Amino acid sequence: MAETVQAEAQYDASDDELQPAESIPIDRAGVVESDVMAELPYKHELDRKIQITEDISDKKQAVQLQVAHRRKSPKTGKAEYQLRKIGDVTGKLYSNGKWYREKDVRRL
């Protein structure tokens, strides 16, 4: 008998105070529907001097470079950068044009 009283009390409380998630309006939940992905700003501008850490002869060493190109990764949507040596006017990219993730590139 105590079980039925508790069940009725829970049922009454859910009717009066609690609402299921389906009844919350979508605009009240703070969700904005859009077909276009939000455009996130790049952390580093073109030709900005930056620094990365590379393994050279089994030691981690800081390498100072410049941002040559930037893009959003097609897989993750996060920023990636192609780099070149500082002052290099030949246009040759560092590490054969490898794309570096934004979290691996630091400002000087």
N, C-alpha and C. Protein backbone atom coordinates (compact mmCIF):
# COMPACT_ATOMS: atom_id res chain seq x y z
N MET A 1 0.82 -1.19 0.00
CA MET A 1 0.00 0.00 0.00
C MET A 1 0.87 1.26 0.00
N ALA A 2 1.98 1.23 0.69
CA ALA A 2 2.89 2.38 0.71
C ALA A 2 3.46 2.64 -0.68
N GLU A 3 3.65 1.57 -1.46
CA GLU A 3 4.17 1.74 -2.81
C GLU A 3 3.19 2.49 -3.70
N THR A 4 1.91 2.21 -3.58
CA THR A 4 0.93 2.91 -4.41
C THR A 4 0.82 4.37 -4.02
N VAL A 5 0.96 4.70 -2.75
CA VAL A 5 0.91 6.10 -2.31
C VAL A 5 2.10 6.86 -2.88
N GLN A 6 3.30 6.26 -2.83
CA GLN A 6 4.48 6.92 -3.38
C GLN A 6 4.34 7.10 -4.88
N ALA A 7 3.83 6.09 -5.57
CA ALA A 7 3.67 6.18 -7.01
C ALA A 7 2.69 7.28 -7.38
N GLU A 8 1.59 7.40 -6.62
CA GLU A 8 0.61 8.46 -6.88
C GLU A 8 1.22 9.83 -6.60
N ALA A 9 2.02 9.93 -5.55
CA ALA A 9 2.66 11.21 -5.22
C ALA A 9 3.64 11.61 -6.31
N GLN A 10 4.41 10.68 -6.82
CA GLN A 10 5.34 10.99 -7.90
C GLN A 10 4.58 11.40 -9.16
N TYR A 11 3.48 10.72 -9.43
CA TYR A 11 2.69 11.04 -10.62
C TYR A 11 2.10 12.43 -10.51
N ASP A 12 1.57 12.77 -9.31
CA ASP A 12 0.98 14.09 -9.12
C ASP A 12 2.04 15.18 -9.24
N ALA A 13 3.21 14.96 -8.69
CA ALA A 13 4.28 15.95 -8.76
C ALA A 13 4.73 16.16 -10.19
N SER A 14 4.78 15.09 -10.97
CA SER A 14 5.23 15.25 -12.35
C SER A 14 4.20 16.00 -13.18
N ASP A 15 2.93 15.86 -12.85
CA ASP A 15 1.90 16.59 -13.59
C ASP A 15 1.95 18.09 -13.28
N ASP A 16 2.18 18.43 -12.03
CA ASP A 16 2.10 19.82 -11.62
C ASP A 16 3.39 20.61 -11.89
N GLU A 17 4.54 20.02 -11.59
CA GLU A 17 5.77 20.79 -11.59
C GLU A 17 6.72 20.47 -12.73
N LEU A 18 6.87 19.21 -13.06
CA LEU A 18 7.88 18.81 -14.03
C LEU A 18 7.27 18.67 -15.42
N GLN A 19 8.04 19.02 -16.42
CA GLN A 19 7.60 18.87 -17.80
C GLN A 19 8.60 18.00 -18.53
N PRO A 20 8.15 17.14 -19.41
CA PRO A 20 9.10 16.36 -20.21
C PRO A 20 9.86 17.27 -21.17
N ALA A 21 11.01 16.82 -21.60
CA ALA A 21 11.88 17.62 -22.47
C ALA A 21 11.20 17.98 -23.79
N GLU A 22 10.27 17.16 -24.27
CA GLU A 22 9.63 17.45 -25.56
C GLU A 22 8.76 18.70 -25.50
N SER A 23 8.31 19.10 -24.31
CA SER A 23 7.39 20.23 -24.22
C SER A 23 8.11 21.57 -24.11
N ILE A 24 9.44 21.60 -24.00
CA ILE A 24 10.17 22.86 -23.93
C ILE A 24 10.31 23.42 -25.34
N PRO A 25 9.86 24.65 -25.58
CA PRO A 25 9.98 25.23 -26.93
C PRO A 25 11.43 25.37 -27.35
N ILE A 26 11.71 25.15 -28.62
CA ILE A 26 13.09 25.16 -29.14
C ILE A 26 13.72 26.54 -29.01
N ASP A 27 12.94 27.62 -29.18
CA ASP A 27 13.52 28.96 -29.08
C ASP A 27 13.89 29.30 -27.63
N ARG A 28 13.22 28.71 -26.69
CA ARG A 28 13.54 28.93 -25.29
C ARG A 28 14.80 28.18 -24.87
N ALA A 29 15.12 27.12 -25.58
CA ALA A 29 16.30 26.33 -25.24
C ALA A 29 17.59 26.98 -25.71
N GLY A 30 17.52 28.06 -26.48
CA GLY A 30 18.71 28.76 -26.95
C GLY A 30 19.35 28.14 -28.17
N VAL A 31 18.62 27.33 -28.90
CA VAL A 31 19.15 26.66 -30.08
C VAL A 31 18.78 27.46 -31.32
N VAL A 32 19.76 27.70 -32.18
CA VAL A 32 19.52 28.40 -33.42
C VAL A 32 19.75 27.43 -34.56
N GLU A 33 18.75 27.24 -35.40
CA GLU A 33 18.89 26.33 -36.54
C GLU A 33 19.47 27.09 -37.72
N SER A 34 20.44 26.47 -38.40
CA SER A 34 21.07 27.10 -39.55
C SER A 34 21.69 26.03 -40.42
N ASP A 35 21.67 26.26 -41.74
CA ASP A 35 22.32 25.36 -42.67
C ASP A 35 23.81 25.68 -42.81
N VAL A 36 24.20 26.87 -42.42
CA VAL A 36 25.57 27.34 -42.57
C VAL A 36 26.31 27.18 -41.25
N MET A 37 27.52 26.61 -41.32
CA MET A 37 28.34 26.47 -40.13
C MET A 37 28.87 27.84 -39.70
N ALA A 38 28.95 28.08 -38.42
CA ALA A 38 29.44 29.36 -37.91
C ALA A 38 30.88 29.60 -38.38
N GLU A 39 31.16 30.81 -38.81
CA GLU A 39 32.50 31.16 -39.28
C GLU A 39 33.35 31.58 -38.09
N LEU A 40 34.35 30.79 -37.77
CA LEU A 40 35.23 31.09 -36.65
C LEU A 40 36.43 31.89 -37.13
N PRO A 41 36.86 32.88 -36.36
CA PRO A 41 38.02 33.67 -36.79
C PRO A 41 39.32 32.88 -36.67
N TYR A 42 40.28 33.23 -37.51
CA TYR A 42 41.61 32.62 -37.44
C TYR A 42 42.39 33.27 -36.30
N LYS A 43 43.20 32.50 -35.63
CA LYS A 43 44.02 33.01 -34.53
C LYS A 43 45.24 33.76 -35.06
N HIS A 44 45.77 33.36 -36.22
CA HIS A 44 46.99 33.96 -36.77
C HIS A 44 46.71 34.51 -38.16
N GLU A 45 47.18 35.73 -38.42
CA GLU A 45 47.03 36.34 -39.74
C GLU A 45 48.16 35.88 -40.66
N LEU A 46 47.97 36.10 -41.95
CA LEU A 46 49.01 35.76 -42.92
C LEU A 46 50.25 36.62 -42.66
N ASP A 47 51.42 36.06 -42.90
CA ASP A 47 52.73 36.70 -42.72
C ASP A 47 53.06 37.01 -41.26
N ARG A 48 52.29 36.52 -40.33
CA ARG A 48 52.60 36.71 -38.91
C ARG A 48 53.71 35.76 -38.49
N LYS A 49 54.61 36.23 -37.65
CA LYS A 49 55.69 35.39 -37.13
C LYS A 49 55.14 34.50 -36.01
N ILE A 50 55.42 33.22 -36.12
CA ILE A 50 54.90 32.24 -35.16
C ILE A 50 56.03 31.29 -34.76
N GLN A 51 55.69 30.35 -33.89
CA GLN A 51 56.67 29.37 -33.42
C GLN A 51 55.99 28.02 -33.30
N ILE A 52 56.70 26.97 -33.70
CA ILE A 52 56.24 25.60 -33.51
C ILE A 52 57.35 24.82 -32.82
N THR A 53 57.02 23.67 -32.29
CA THR A 53 58.02 22.79 -31.66
C THR A 53 58.21 21.58 -32.55
N GLU A 54 59.45 21.32 -32.95
CA GLU A 54 59.78 20.19 -33.82
C GLU A 54 60.79 19.28 -33.11
N ASP A 55 60.74 17.99 -33.42
CA ASP A 55 61.74 17.04 -32.94
C ASP A 55 62.91 17.04 -33.92
N ILE A 56 64.05 17.58 -33.49
CA ILE A 56 65.25 17.63 -34.32
C ILE A 56 66.35 16.89 -33.57
N SER A 57 66.83 15.79 -34.15
CA SER A 57 67.86 14.94 -33.52
C SER A 57 67.42 14.47 -32.14
N ASP A 58 66.19 13.99 -32.05
CA ASP A 58 65.62 13.47 -30.80
C ASP A 58 65.52 14.51 -29.69
N LYS A 59 65.52 15.78 -30.04
CA LYS A 59 65.32 16.86 -29.08
C LYS A 59 64.22 17.77 -29.59
N LYS A 60 63.41 18.26 -28.67
CA LYS A 60 62.38 19.22 -29.05
C LYS A 60 63.01 20.61 -29.13
N GLN A 61 62.83 21.25 -30.29
CA GLN A 61 63.39 22.57 -30.48
C GLN A 61 62.33 23.49 -31.06
N ALA A 62 62.37 24.75 -30.65
CA ALA A 62 61.45 25.75 -31.17
C ALA A 62 61.95 26.22 -32.53
N VAL A 63 61.03 26.32 -33.49
CA VAL A 63 61.36 26.79 -34.83
C VAL A 63 60.49 28.00 -35.10
N GLN A 64 61.11 29.11 -35.50
CA GLN A 64 60.38 30.34 -35.79
C GLN A 64 60.11 30.41 -37.28
N LEU A 65 58.85 30.65 -37.63
CA LEU A 65 58.40 30.66 -39.02
C LEU A 65 57.38 31.77 -39.23
N GLN A 66 56.85 31.84 -40.46
CA GLN A 66 55.77 32.77 -40.80
C GLN A 66 54.61 31.98 -41.37
N VAL A 67 53.40 32.52 -41.20
CA VAL A 67 52.20 31.90 -41.77
C VAL A 67 52.16 32.22 -43.26
N ALA A 68 52.11 31.18 -44.10
CA ALA A 68 52.04 31.37 -45.55
C ALA A 68 50.60 31.25 -46.05
N HIS A 69 49.89 30.22 -45.61
CA HIS A 69 48.50 29.98 -46.02
C HIS A 69 47.72 29.48 -44.82
N ARG A 70 46.41 29.66 -44.86
CA ARG A 70 45.55 29.14 -43.80
C ARG A 70 44.27 28.61 -44.41
N ARG A 71 43.64 27.67 -43.70
CA ARG A 71 42.39 27.09 -44.18
C ARG A 71 41.66 26.45 -43.00
N LYS A 72 40.40 26.12 -43.23
CA LYS A 72 39.64 25.32 -42.28
C LYS A 72 39.78 23.87 -42.70
N SER A 73 40.11 22.99 -41.77
CA SER A 73 40.29 21.58 -42.07
C SER A 73 38.98 20.99 -42.59
N PRO A 74 39.02 20.27 -43.72
CA PRO A 74 37.79 19.67 -44.24
C PRO A 74 37.22 18.61 -43.31
N LYS A 75 38.05 17.98 -42.50
CA LYS A 75 37.58 16.93 -41.59
C LYS A 75 37.02 17.49 -40.29
N THR A 76 37.74 18.42 -39.68
CA THR A 76 37.36 18.90 -38.35
C THR A 76 36.75 20.29 -38.34
N GLY A 77 36.97 21.09 -39.39
CA GLY A 77 36.47 22.45 -39.42
C GLY A 77 37.32 23.42 -38.61
N LYS A 78 38.48 22.96 -38.12
CA LYS A 78 39.36 23.82 -37.33
C LYS A 78 40.45 24.39 -38.22
N ALA A 79 41.07 25.48 -37.76
CA ALA A 79 42.08 26.18 -38.55
C ALA A 79 43.37 25.37 -38.67
N GLU A 80 43.97 25.43 -39.87
CA GLU A 80 45.27 24.82 -40.14
C GLU A 80 46.11 25.84 -40.91
N TYR A 81 47.42 25.73 -40.76
CA TYR A 81 48.33 26.69 -41.37
C TYR A 81 49.46 25.99 -42.11
N GLN A 82 49.83 26.57 -43.28
CA GLN A 82 51.06 26.19 -43.96
C GLN A 82 52.07 27.28 -43.64
N LEU A 83 53.31 26.89 -43.40
CA LEU A 83 54.31 27.81 -42.90
C LEU A 83 55.49 27.93 -43.85
N ARG A 84 56.25 29.03 -43.71
CA ARG A 84 57.50 29.22 -44.46
C ARG A 84 58.51 29.87 -43.52
N LYS A 85 59.79 29.74 -43.89
CA LYS A 85 60.85 30.34 -43.07
C LYS A 85 60.73 31.86 -43.12
N ILE A 86 61.11 32.49 -42.03
CA ILE A 86 61.02 33.95 -41.94
C ILE A 86 61.95 34.59 -42.97
N GLY A 87 61.41 35.51 -43.75
CA GLY A 87 62.18 36.23 -44.75
C GLY A 87 62.40 35.47 -46.05
N ASP A 88 61.84 34.29 -46.20
CA ASP A 88 62.01 33.49 -47.43
C ASP A 88 61.12 34.08 -48.52
N VAL A 89 61.73 34.56 -49.59
CA VAL A 89 60.98 35.17 -50.69
C VAL A 89 60.77 34.21 -51.85
N THR A 90 61.33 33.00 -51.75
CA THR A 90 61.20 32.04 -52.85
C THR A 90 59.81 31.41 -52.91
N GLY A 91 59.06 31.48 -51.81
CA GLY A 91 57.74 30.87 -51.78
C GLY A 91 57.74 29.41 -51.39
N LYS A 92 58.92 28.87 -51.05
CA LYS A 92 59.01 27.46 -50.67
C LYS A 92 58.41 27.28 -49.27
N LEU A 93 57.54 26.30 -49.13
CA LEU A 93 56.87 26.06 -47.86
C LEU A 93 57.71 25.17 -46.95
N TYR A 94 57.57 25.38 -45.66
CA TYR A 94 58.29 24.60 -44.66
C TYR A 94 57.71 23.19 -44.60
N SER A 95 58.57 22.20 -44.49
CA SER A 95 58.19 20.79 -44.35
C SER A 95 57.30 20.33 -45.51
N ASN A 96 57.67 20.74 -46.72
CA ASN A 96 56.96 20.34 -47.95
C ASN A 96 55.47 20.68 -47.94
N GLY A 97 55.11 21.78 -47.31
CA GLY A 97 53.72 22.24 -47.33
C GLY A 97 52.79 21.53 -46.36
N LYS A 98 53.34 20.93 -45.33
CA LYS A 98 52.51 20.24 -44.32
C LYS A 98 51.59 21.25 -43.64
N TRP A 99 50.34 20.83 -43.39
CA TRP A 99 49.38 21.67 -42.68
C TRP A 99 49.52 21.42 -41.18
N TYR A 100 49.71 22.50 -40.41
CA TYR A 100 49.85 22.42 -38.96
C TYR A 100 48.56 22.88 -38.30
N ARG A 101 48.13 22.15 -37.27
CA ARG A 101 46.91 22.51 -36.54
C ARG A 101 47.13 23.79 -35.75
N GLU A 102 46.04 24.51 -35.52
CA GLU A 102 46.13 25.78 -34.82
C GLU A 102 46.69 25.62 -33.40
N LYS A 103 46.37 24.51 -32.75
CA LYS A 103 46.86 24.32 -31.38
C LYS A 103 48.36 24.03 -31.33
N ASP A 104 48.98 23.68 -32.47
CA ASP A 104 50.42 23.43 -32.51
C ASP A 104 51.22 24.68 -32.86
N VAL A 105 50.55 25.75 -33.25
CA VAL A 105 51.20 26.99 -33.69
C VAL A 105 51.02 28.04 -32.59
N ARG A 106 52.13 28.65 -32.17
CA ARG A 106 52.08 29.67 -31.12
C ARG A 106 52.60 30.99 -31.63
N ARG A 107 52.11 32.08 -31.05
CA ARG A 107 52.60 33.41 -31.40
C ARG A 107 53.97 33.65 -30.80
N LEU A 108 54.73 34.50 -31.44
CA LEU A 108 56.02 34.93 -30.88
C LEU A 108 55.82 36.13 -29.99
